[in-house]
Amino acid sequence: MTKSRFTEEQIVAVLKEAEESGVKVREVCRKHGISDATFYKWRAKHGESSLTESRRIKQLEEENRRLRSLVADLALRNQALKRVVSKKW
């Protein structure tokens, strides 16, 4: 996954600015140097969440990725051990 130029805090700030200021979305996008599509993608992902919720979701996603990796590693080890045990000696 590519690294964004914007942090979670900056994304939430841009979304709040567009919501609270009453300025057109296109103007906010031009001011921050992003496309309209990026803005709407951010809004779909971060729209209703606050900054703390965003951070918590990111932490949970990272933990989930790490745990999936551990499970995959353990499954491979388990398979290898079963193969060794099942051989006729």
PDB file of N, CA and C in Angstrom:
ATOM      1  N   MET A   1       0.841  -1.163   0.000  1.00  0.00           N
ATOM      2  CA  MET A   1       0.000   0.000   0.000  1.00  0.00           C
ATOM      3  C   MET A   1       0.892   1.234   0.000  1.00  0.00           C
ATOM      4  N   THR A   2       0.552   2.218  -0.821  1.00  0.00           N
ATOM      5  CA  THR A   2       1.375   3.415  -0.911  1.00  0.00           C
ATOM      6  C   THR A   2       1.114   4.319   0.287  1.00  0.00           C
ATOM      7  N   LYS A   3       2.133   5.054   0.640  1.00  0.00           N
ATOM      8  CA  LYS A   3       2.019   5.973   1.769  1.00  0.00           C
ATOM      9  C   LYS A   3       1.404   7.288   1.286  1.00  0.00           C
ATOM     10  N   SER A   4       0.439   7.763   2.017  1.00  0.00           N
ATOM     11  CA  SER A   4      -0.241   9.006   1.679  1.00  0.00           C
ATOM     12  C   SER A   4       0.608  10.212   2.074  1.00  0.00           C
ATOM     13  N   ARG A   5       0.443  11.281   1.331  1.00  0.00           N
ATOM     14  CA  ARG A   5       1.120  12.528   1.690  1.00  0.00           C
ATOM     15  C   ARG A   5       0.485  13.139   2.931  1.00  0.00           C
ATOM     16  N   PHE A   6      -0.741  12.764   3.199  1.00  0.00           N
ATOM     17  CA  PHE A   6      -1.512  13.370   4.275  1.00  0.00           C
ATOM     18  C   PHE A   6      -1.655  12.395   5.436  1.00  0.00           C
ATOM     19  N   THR A   7      -1.544  12.929   6.646  1.00  0.00           N
ATOM     20  CA  THR A   7      -1.754  12.111   7.837  1.00  0.00           C
ATOM     21  C   THR A   7      -3.248  12.029   8.121  1.00  0.00           C
ATOM     22  N   GLU A   8      -3.601  11.157   9.046  1.00  0.00           N
ATOM     23  CA  GLU A   8      -5.006  11.020   9.439  1.00  0.00           C
ATOM     24  C   GLU A   8      -5.551  12.357   9.957  1.00  0.00           C
ATOM     25  N   GLU A   9      -4.735  13.061  10.733  1.00  0.00           N
ATOM     26  CA  GLU A   9      -5.155  14.349  11.288  1.00  0.00           C
ATOM     27  C   GLU A   9      -5.457  15.354  10.180  1.00  0.00           C
ATOM     28  N   GLN A  10      -4.588  15.384   9.173  1.00  0.00           N
ATOM     29  CA  GLN A  10      -4.783  16.323   8.067  1.00  0.00           C
ATOM     30  C   GLN A  10      -6.035  15.975   7.274  1.00  0.00           C
ATOM     31  N   ILE A  11      -6.271  14.688   7.051  1.00  0.00           N
ATOM     32  CA  ILE A  11      -7.449  14.264   6.291  1.00  0.00           C
ATOM     33  C   ILE A  11      -8.718  14.677   7.026  1.00  0.00           C
ATOM     34  N   VAL A  12      -8.763  14.416   8.323  1.00  0.00           N
ATOM     35  CA  VAL A  12      -9.946  14.782   9.111  1.00  0.00           C
ATOM     36  C   VAL A  12     -10.127  16.299   9.114  1.00  0.00           C
ATOM     37  N   ALA A  13      -9.028  17.046   9.182  1.00  0.00           N
ATOM     38  CA  ALA A  13      -9.119  18.510   9.165  1.00  0.00           C
ATOM     39  C   ALA A  13      -9.677  19.019   7.841  1.00  0.00           C
ATOM     40  N   VAL A  14      -9.250  18.437   6.727  1.00  0.00           N
ATOM     41  CA  VAL A  14      -9.754  18.844   5.411  1.00  0.00           C
ATOM     42  C   VAL A  14     -11.248  18.542   5.316  1.00  0.00           C
ATOM     43  N   LEU A  15     -11.666  17.376   5.783  1.00  0.00           N
ATOM     44  CA  LEU A  15     -13.084  17.015   5.737  1.00  0.00           C
ATOM     45  C   LEU A  15     -13.928  17.945   6.598  1.00  0.00           C
ATOM     46  N   LYS A  16     -13.410  18.290   7.790  1.00  0.00           N
ATOM     47  CA  LYS A  16     -14.141  19.214   8.662  1.00  0.00           C
ATOM     48  C   LYS A  16     -14.223  20.597   8.043  1.00  0.00           C
ATOM     49  N   GLU A  17     -13.135  21.023   7.418  1.00  0.00           N
ATOM     50  CA  GLU A  17     -13.133  22.344   6.783  1.00  0.00           C
ATOM     51  C   GLU A  17     -14.199  22.423   5.696  1.00  0.00           C
ATOM     52  N   ALA A  18     -14.294  21.389   4.885  1.00  0.00           N
ATOM     53  CA  ALA A  18     -15.283  21.382   3.806  1.00  0.00           C
ATOM     54  C   ALA A  18     -16.697  21.356   4.363  1.00  0.00           C
ATOM     55  N   GLU A  19     -16.884  20.649   5.457  1.00  0.00           N
ATOM     56  CA  GLU A  19     -18.214  20.518   6.041  1.00  0.00           C
ATOM     57  C   GLU A  19     -18.664  21.794   6.736  1.00  0.00           C
ATOM     58  N   GLU A  20     -17.749  22.416   7.485  1.00  0.00           N
ATOM     59  CA  GLU A  20     -18.121  23.550   8.332  1.00  0.00           C
ATOM     60  C   GLU A  20     -18.055  24.897   7.634  1.00  0.00           C
ATOM     61  N   SER A  21     -17.201  25.031   6.652  1.00  0.00           N
ATOM     62  CA  SER A  21     -16.972  26.357   6.077  1.00  0.00           C
ATOM     63  C   SER A  21     -18.046  26.792   5.087  1.00  0.00           C
ATOM     64  N   GLY A  22     -18.731  25.844   4.474  1.00  0.00           N
ATOM     65  CA  GLY A  22     -19.737  26.202   3.486  1.00  0.00           C
ATOM     66  C   GLY A  22     -19.144  26.505   2.121  1.00  0.00           C
ATOM     67  N   VAL A  23     -17.843  26.389   1.984  1.00  0.00           N
ATOM     68  CA  VAL A  23     -17.175  26.600   0.705  1.00  0.00           C
ATOM     69  C   VAL A  23     -17.372  25.347  -0.143  1.00  0.00           C
ATOM     70  N   LYS A  24     -17.390  25.525  -1.459  1.00  0.00           N
ATOM     71  CA  LYS A  24     -17.562  24.385  -2.346  1.00  0.00           C
ATOM     72  C   LYS A  24     -16.418  23.396  -2.177  1.00  0.00           C
ATOM     73  N   VAL A  25     -16.748  22.130  -2.374  1.00  0.00           N
ATOM     74  CA  VAL A  25     -15.768  21.054  -2.238  1.00  0.00           C
ATOM     75  C   VAL A  25     -14.613  21.274  -3.200  1.00  0.00           C
ATOM     76  N   ARG A  26     -14.912  21.716  -4.400  1.00  0.00           N
ATOM     77  CA  ARG A  26     -13.873  21.935  -5.401  1.00  0.00           C
ATOM     78  C   ARG A  26     -12.850  22.966  -4.932  1.00  0.00           C
ATOM     79  N   GLU A  27     -13.322  24.009  -4.250  1.00  0.00           N
ATOM     80  CA  GLU A  27     -12.408  25.047  -3.734  1.00  0.00           C
ATOM     81  C   GLU A  27     -11.505  24.499  -2.627  1.00  0.00           C
ATOM     82  N   VAL A  28     -12.082  23.694  -1.736  1.00  0.00           N
ATOM     83  CA  VAL A  28     -11.283  23.104  -0.653  1.00  0.00           C
ATOM     84  C   VAL A  28     -10.233  22.171  -1.250  1.00  0.00           C
ATOM     85  N   CYS A  29     -10.635  21.398  -2.254  1.00  0.00           N
ATOM     86  CA  CYS A  29      -9.697  20.475  -2.900  1.00  0.00           C
ATOM     87  C   CYS A  29      -8.558  21.235  -3.568  1.00  0.00           C
ATOM     88  N   ARG A  30      -8.882  22.315  -4.235  1.00  0.00           N
ATOM     89  CA  ARG A  30      -7.850  23.112  -4.904  1.00  0.00           C
ATOM     90  C   ARG A  30      -6.894  23.714  -3.884  1.00  0.00           C
ATOM     91  N   LYS A  31      -7.444  24.174  -2.766  1.00  0.00           N
ATOM     92  CA  LYS A  31      -6.626  24.787  -1.716  1.00  0.00           C
ATOM     93  C   LYS A  31      -5.610  23.788  -1.149  1.00  0.00           C
ATOM     94  N   HIS A  32      -6.019  22.534  -0.991  1.00  0.00           N
ATOM     95  CA  HIS A  32      -5.150  21.526  -0.382  1.00  0.00           C
ATOM     96  C   HIS A  32      -4.409  20.667  -1.407  1.00  0.00           C
ATOM     97  N   GLY A  33      -4.671  20.883  -2.678  1.00  0.00           N
ATOM     98  CA  GLY A  33      -3.947  20.167  -3.724  1.00  0.00           C
ATOM     99  C   GLY A  33      -4.349  18.711  -3.873  1.00  0.00           C
ATOM    100  N   ILE A  34      -5.649  18.451  -3.726  1.00  0.00           N
ATOM    101  CA  ILE A  34      -6.143  17.089  -3.918  1.00  0.00           C
ATOM    102  C   ILE A  34      -7.244  17.103  -4.976  1.00  0.00           C
ATOM    103  N   SER A  35      -7.546  15.935  -5.512  1.00  0.00           N
ATOM    104  CA  SER A  35      -8.606  15.862  -6.512  1.00  0.00           C
ATOM    105  C   SER A  35      -9.958  15.677  -5.827  1.00  0.00           C
ATOM    106  N   ASP A  36     -11.015  15.918  -6.579  1.00  0.00           N
ATOM    107  CA  ASP A  36     -12.355  15.712  -6.052  1.00  0.00           C
ATOM    108  C   ASP A  36     -12.558  14.246  -5.676  1.00  0.00           C
ATOM    109  N   ALA A  37     -12.038  13.351  -6.504  1.00  0.00           N
ATOM    110  CA  ALA A  37     -12.194  11.918  -6.248  1.00  0.00           C
ATOM    111  C   ALA A  37     -11.522  11.529  -4.933  1.00  0.00           C
ATOM    112  N   THR A  38     -10.359  12.096  -4.674  1.00  0.00           N
ATOM    113  CA  THR A  38      -9.662  11.815  -3.417  1.00  0.00           C
ATOM    114  C   THR A  38     -10.487  12.293  -2.237  1.00  0.00           C
ATOM    115  N   PHE A  39     -11.051  13.479  -2.358  1.00  0.00           N
ATOM    116  CA  PHE A  39     -11.879  14.020  -1.284  1.00  0.00           C
ATOM    117  C   PHE A  39     -13.056  13.097  -0.985  1.00  0.00           C
ATOM    118  N   TYR A  40     -13.744  12.662  -2.018  1.00  0.00           N
ATOM    119  CA  TYR A  40     -14.924  11.814  -1.802  1.00  0.00           C
ATOM    120  C   TYR A  40     -14.529  10.429  -1.297  1.00  0.00           C
ATOM    121  N   LYS A  41     -13.354   9.943  -1.687  1.00  0.00           N
ATOM    122  CA  LYS A  41     -12.857   8.665  -1.163  1.00  0.00           C
ATOM    123  C   LYS A  41     -12.553   8.805   0.328  1.00  0.00           C
ATOM    124  N   TRP A  42     -11.921   9.918   0.695  1.00  0.00           N
ATOM    125  CA  TRP A  42     -11.635  10.178   2.102  1.00  0.00           C
ATOM    126  C   TRP A  42     -12.931  10.276   2.894  1.00  0.00           C
ATOM    127  N   ARG A  43     -13.897  10.986   2.330  1.00  0.00           N
ATOM    128  CA  ARG A  43     -15.163  11.177   3.040  1.00  0.00           C
ATOM    129  C   ARG A  43     -15.884   9.849   3.242  1.00  0.00           C
ATOM    130  N   ALA A  44     -15.801   8.946   2.274  1.00  0.00           N
ATOM    131  CA  ALA A  44     -16.419   7.634   2.415  1.00  0.00           C
ATOM    132  C   ALA A  44     -15.733   6.830   3.503  1.00  0.00           C
ATOM    133  N   LYS A  45     -14.415   6.984   3.611  1.00  0.00           N
ATOM    134  CA  LYS A  45     -13.658   6.212   4.591  1.00  0.00           C
ATOM    135  C   LYS A  45     -13.681   6.847   5.976  1.00  0.00           C
ATOM    136  N   HIS A  46     -13.529   8.162   6.059  1.00  0.00           N
ATOM    137  CA  HIS A  46     -13.368   8.855   7.335  1.00  0.00           C
ATOM    138  C   HIS A  46     -14.536   9.763   7.682  1.00  0.00           C
ATOM    139  N   GLY A  47     -15.550   9.771   6.884  1.00  0.00           N
ATOM    140  CA  GLY A  47     -16.612  10.765   7.001  1.00  0.00           C
ATOM    141  C   GLY A  47     -17.199  10.959   8.379  1.00  0.00           C
ATOM    142  N   GLU A  48     -17.685   9.904   8.991  1.00  0.00           N
ATOM    143  CA  GLU A  48     -18.375  10.034  10.257  1.00  0.00           C
ATOM    144  C   GLU A  48     -17.455   9.843  11.467  1.00  0.00           C
ATOM    145  N   SER A  49     -16.258   9.396  11.220  1.00  0.00           N
ATOM    146  CA  SER A  49     -15.387   9.085  12.354  1.00  0.00           C
ATOM    147  C   SER A  49     -14.631  10.313  12.829  1.00  0.00           C
ATOM    148  N   SER A  50     -14.347  10.315  14.096  1.00  0.00           N
ATOM    149  CA  SER A  50     -13.522  11.376  14.644  1.00  0.00           C
ATOM    150  C   SER A  50     -12.056  10.965  14.522  1.00  0.00           C
ATOM    151  N   LEU A  51     -11.184  11.804  14.934  1.00  0.00           N
ATOM    152  CA  LEU A  51      -9.751  11.540  14.828  1.00  0.00           C
ATOM    153  C   LEU A  51      -9.348  10.346  15.693  1.00  0.00           C
ATOM    154  N   THR A  52      -9.885  10.270  16.902  1.00  0.00           N
ATOM    155  CA  THR A  52      -9.528   9.144  17.770  1.00  0.00           C
ATOM    156  C   THR A  52     -10.049   7.829  17.209  1.00  0.00           C
ATOM    157  N   GLU A  53     -11.239   7.854  16.625  1.00  0.00           N
ATOM    158  CA  GLU A  53     -11.779   6.641  16.006  1.00  0.00           C
ATOM    159  C   GLU A  53     -10.918   6.231  14.819  1.00  0.00           C
ATOM    160  N   SER A  54     -10.461   7.193  14.048  1.00  0.00           N
ATOM    161  CA  SER A  54      -9.597   6.912  12.903  1.00  0.00           C
ATOM    162  C   SER A  54      -8.307   6.249  13.344  1.00  0.00           C
ATOM    163  N   ARG A  55      -7.698   6.778  14.385  1.00  0.00           N
ATOM    164  CA  ARG A  55      -6.458   6.193  14.899  1.00  0.00           C
ATOM    165  C   ARG A  55      -6.701   4.782  15.406  1.00  0.00           C
ATOM    166  N   ARG A  56      -7.790   4.591  16.125  1.00  0.00           N
ATOM    167  CA  ARG A  56      -8.104   3.274  16.684  1.00  0.00           C
ATOM    168  C   ARG A  56      -8.337   2.262  15.562  1.00  0.00           C
ATOM    169  N   ILE A  57      -9.038   2.655  14.519  1.00  0.00           N
ATOM    170  CA  ILE A  57      -9.287   1.764  13.384  1.00  0.00           C
ATOM    171  C   ILE A  57      -7.971   1.391  12.718  1.00  0.00           C
ATOM    172  N   LYS A  58      -7.088   2.362  12.560  1.00  0.00           N
ATOM    173  CA  LYS A  58      -5.790   2.084  11.948  1.00  0.00           C
ATOM    174  C   LYS A  58      -4.982   1.105  12.798  1.00  0.00           C
ATOM    175  N   GLN A  59      -5.011   1.275  14.115  1.00  0.00           N
ATOM    176  CA  GLN A  59      -4.305   0.361  15.010  1.00  0.00           C
ATOM    177  C   GLN A  59      -4.896  -1.046  14.925  1.00  0.00           C
ATOM    178  N   LEU A  60      -6.213  -1.135  14.881  1.00  0.00           N
ATOM    179  CA  LEU A  60      -6.858  -2.441  14.789  1.00  0.00           C
ATOM    180  C   LEU A  60      -6.538  -3.132  13.470  1.00  0.00           C
ATOM    181  N   GLU A  61      -6.491  -2.369  12.384  1.00  0.00           N
ATOM    182  CA  GLU A  61      -6.141  -2.947  11.086  1.00  0.00           C
ATOM    183  C   GLU A  61      -4.710  -3.475  11.101  1.00  0.00           C
ATOM    184  N   GLU A  62      -3.798  -2.745  11.730  1.00  0.00           N
ATOM    185  CA  GLU A  62      -2.413  -3.185  11.825  1.00  0.00           C
ATOM    186  C   GLU A  62      -2.301  -4.455  12.673  1.00  0.00           C
ATOM    187  N   GLU A  63      -3.011  -4.487  13.786  1.00  0.00           N
ATOM    188  CA  GLU A  63      -3.000  -5.673  14.638  1.00  0.00           C
ATOM    189  C   GLU A  63      -3.604  -6.874  13.906  1.00  0.00           C
ATOM    190  N   ASN A  64      -4.663  -6.643  13.170  1.00  0.00           N
ATOM    191  CA  ASN A  64      -5.304  -7.703  12.391  1.00  0.00           C
ATOM    192  C   ASN A  64      -4.338  -8.257  11.340  1.00  0.00           C
ATOM    193  N   ARG A  65      -3.598  -7.383  10.675  1.00  0.00           N
ATOM    194  CA  ARG A  65      -2.623  -7.817   9.675  1.00  0.00           C
ATOM    195  C   ARG A  65      -1.541  -8.676  10.313  1.00  0.00           C
ATOM    196  N   ARG A  66      -1.062  -8.234  11.471  1.00  0.00           N
ATOM    197  CA  ARG A  66      -0.018  -8.975  12.178  1.00  0.00           C
ATOM    198  C   ARG A  66      -0.521 -10.344  12.627  1.00  0.00           C
ATOM    199  N   LEU A  67      -1.737 -10.403  13.160  1.00  0.00           N
ATOM    200  CA  LEU A  67      -2.293 -11.673  13.621  1.00  0.00           C
ATOM    201  C   LEU A  67      -2.544 -12.636  12.462  1.00  0.00           C
ATOM    202  N   ARG A  68      -2.999 -12.116  11.336  1.00  0.00           N
ATOM    203  CA  ARG A  68      -3.190 -12.974  10.161  1.00  0.00           C
ATOM    204  C   ARG A  68      -1.869 -13.586   9.713  1.00  0.00           C
ATOM    205  N   SER A  69      -0.824 -12.799   9.784  1.00  0.00           N
ATOM    206  CA  SER A  69       0.496 -13.301   9.415  1.00  0.00           C
ATOM    207  C   SER A  69       0.931 -14.415  10.364  1.00  0.00           C
ATOM    208  N   LEU A  70       0.697 -14.227  11.655  1.00  0.00           N
ATOM    209  CA  LEU A  70       1.036 -15.250  12.636  1.00  0.00           C
ATOM    210  C   LEU A  70       0.257 -16.543  12.399  1.00  0.00           C
ATOM    211  N   VAL A  71      -1.023 -16.411  12.120  1.00  0.00           N
ATOM    212  CA  VAL A  71      -1.859 -17.588  11.871  1.00  0.00           C
ATOM    213  C   VAL A  71      -1.381 -18.320  10.625  1.00  0.00           C
ATOM    214  N   ALA A  72      -1.042 -17.597   9.584  1.00  0.00           N
ATOM    215  CA  ALA A  72      -0.550 -18.235   8.360  1.00  0.00           C
ATOM    216  C   ALA A  72       0.747 -18.980   8.628  1.00  0.00           C
ATOM    217  N   ASP A  73       1.644 -18.373   9.399  1.00  0.00           N
ATOM    218  CA  ASP A  73       2.914 -19.019   9.738  1.00  0.00           C
ATOM    219  C   ASP A  73       2.681 -20.293  10.546  1.00  0.00           C
ATOM    220  N   LEU A  74       1.788 -20.216  11.526  1.00  0.00           N
ATOM    221  CA  LEU A  74       1.497 -21.396  12.343  1.00  0.00           C
ATOM    222  C   LEU A  74       0.827 -22.495  11.530  1.00  0.00           C
ATOM    223  N   ALA A  75      -0.012 -22.133  10.584  1.00  0.00           N
ATOM    224  CA  ALA A  75      -0.659 -23.127   9.726  1.00  0.00           C
ATOM    225  C   ALA A  75       0.379 -23.850   8.871  1.00  0.00           C
ATOM    226  N   LEU A  76       1.364 -23.124   8.355  1.00  0.00           N
ATOM    227  CA  LEU A  76       2.425 -23.753   7.567  1.00  0.00           C
ATOM    228  C   LEU A  76       3.255 -24.708   8.420  1.00  0.00           C
ATOM    229  N   ARG A  77       3.584 -24.286   9.636  1.00  0.00           N
ATOM    230  CA  ARG A  77       4.349 -25.162  10.534  1.00  0.00           C
ATOM    231  C   ARG A  77       3.554 -26.419  10.874  1.00  0.00           C
ATOM    232  N   ASN A  78       2.271 -26.233  11.135  1.00  0.00           N
ATOM    233  CA  ASN A  78       1.400 -27.350  11.464  1.00  0.00           C
ATOM    234  C   ASN A  78       1.347 -28.341  10.311  1.00  0.00           C
ATOM    235  N   GLN A  79       1.225 -27.836   9.100  1.00  0.00           N
ATOM    236  CA  GLN A  79       1.194 -28.691   7.903  1.00  0.00           C
ATOM    237  C   GLN A  79       2.500 -29.470   7.765  1.00  0.00           C
ATOM    238  N   ALA A  80       3.613 -28.801   7.973  1.00  0.00           N
ATOM    239  CA  ALA A  80       4.916 -29.459   7.855  1.00  0.00           C
ATOM    240  C   ALA A  80       5.065 -30.551   8.911  1.00  0.00           C
ATOM    241  N   LEU A  81       4.649 -30.285  10.134  1.00  0.00           N
ATOM    242  CA  LEU A  81       4.729 -31.283  11.195  1.00  0.00           C
ATOM    243  C   LEU A  81       3.828 -32.481  10.911  1.00  0.00           C
ATOM    244  N   LYS A  82       2.657 -32.233  10.381  1.00  0.00           N
ATOM    245  CA  LYS A  82       1.752 -33.338  10.030  1.00  0.00           C
ATOM    246  C   LYS A  82       2.363 -34.216   8.942  1.00  0.00           C
ATOM    247  N   ARG A  83       3.029 -33.570   7.981  1.00  0.00           N
ATOM    248  CA  ARG A  83       3.684 -34.323   6.916  1.00  0.00           C
ATOM    249  C   ARG A  83       4.784 -35.220   7.477  1.00  0.00           C
ATOM    250  N   VAL A  84       5.551 -34.701   8.423  1.00  0.00           N
ATOM    251  CA  VAL A  84       6.647 -35.473   9.022  1.00  0.00           C
ATOM    252  C   VAL A  84       6.073 -36.641   9.844  1.00  0.00           C
ATOM    253  N   VAL A  85       5.036 -36.385  10.611  1.00  0.00           N
ATOM    254  CA  VAL A  85       4.457 -37.405  11.472  1.00  0.00           C
ATOM    255  C   VAL A  85       3.757 -38.497  10.646  1.00  0.00           C
ATOM    256  N   SER A  86       3.172 -38.130   9.544  1.00  0.00           N
ATOM    257  CA  SER A  86       2.386 -39.096   8.765  1.00  0.00           C
ATOM    258  C   SER A  86       3.244 -40.055   7.942  1.00  0.00           C
ATOM    259  N   LYS A  87       4.533 -39.795   7.793  1.00  0.00           N
ATOM    260  CA  LYS A  87       5.403 -40.692   7.041  1.00  0.00           C
ATOM    261  C   LYS A  87       5.549 -42.020   7.767  1.00  0.00           C
ATOM    262  N   LYS A  88       5.581 -43.068   6.993  1.00  0.00           N
ATOM    263  CA  LYS A  88       5.776 -44.393   7.585  1.00  0.00           C
ATOM    264  C   LYS A  88       7.274 -44.631   7.762  1.00  0.00           C
ATOM    265  N   TRP A  89       7.646 -45.023   8.946  1.00  0.00           N
ATOM    266  CA  TRP A  89       9.058 -45.224   9.244  1.00  0.00           C
ATOM    267  C   TRP A  89       9.385 -46.649   9.160  1.00  0.00           C
TER     268      TRP A  89
END
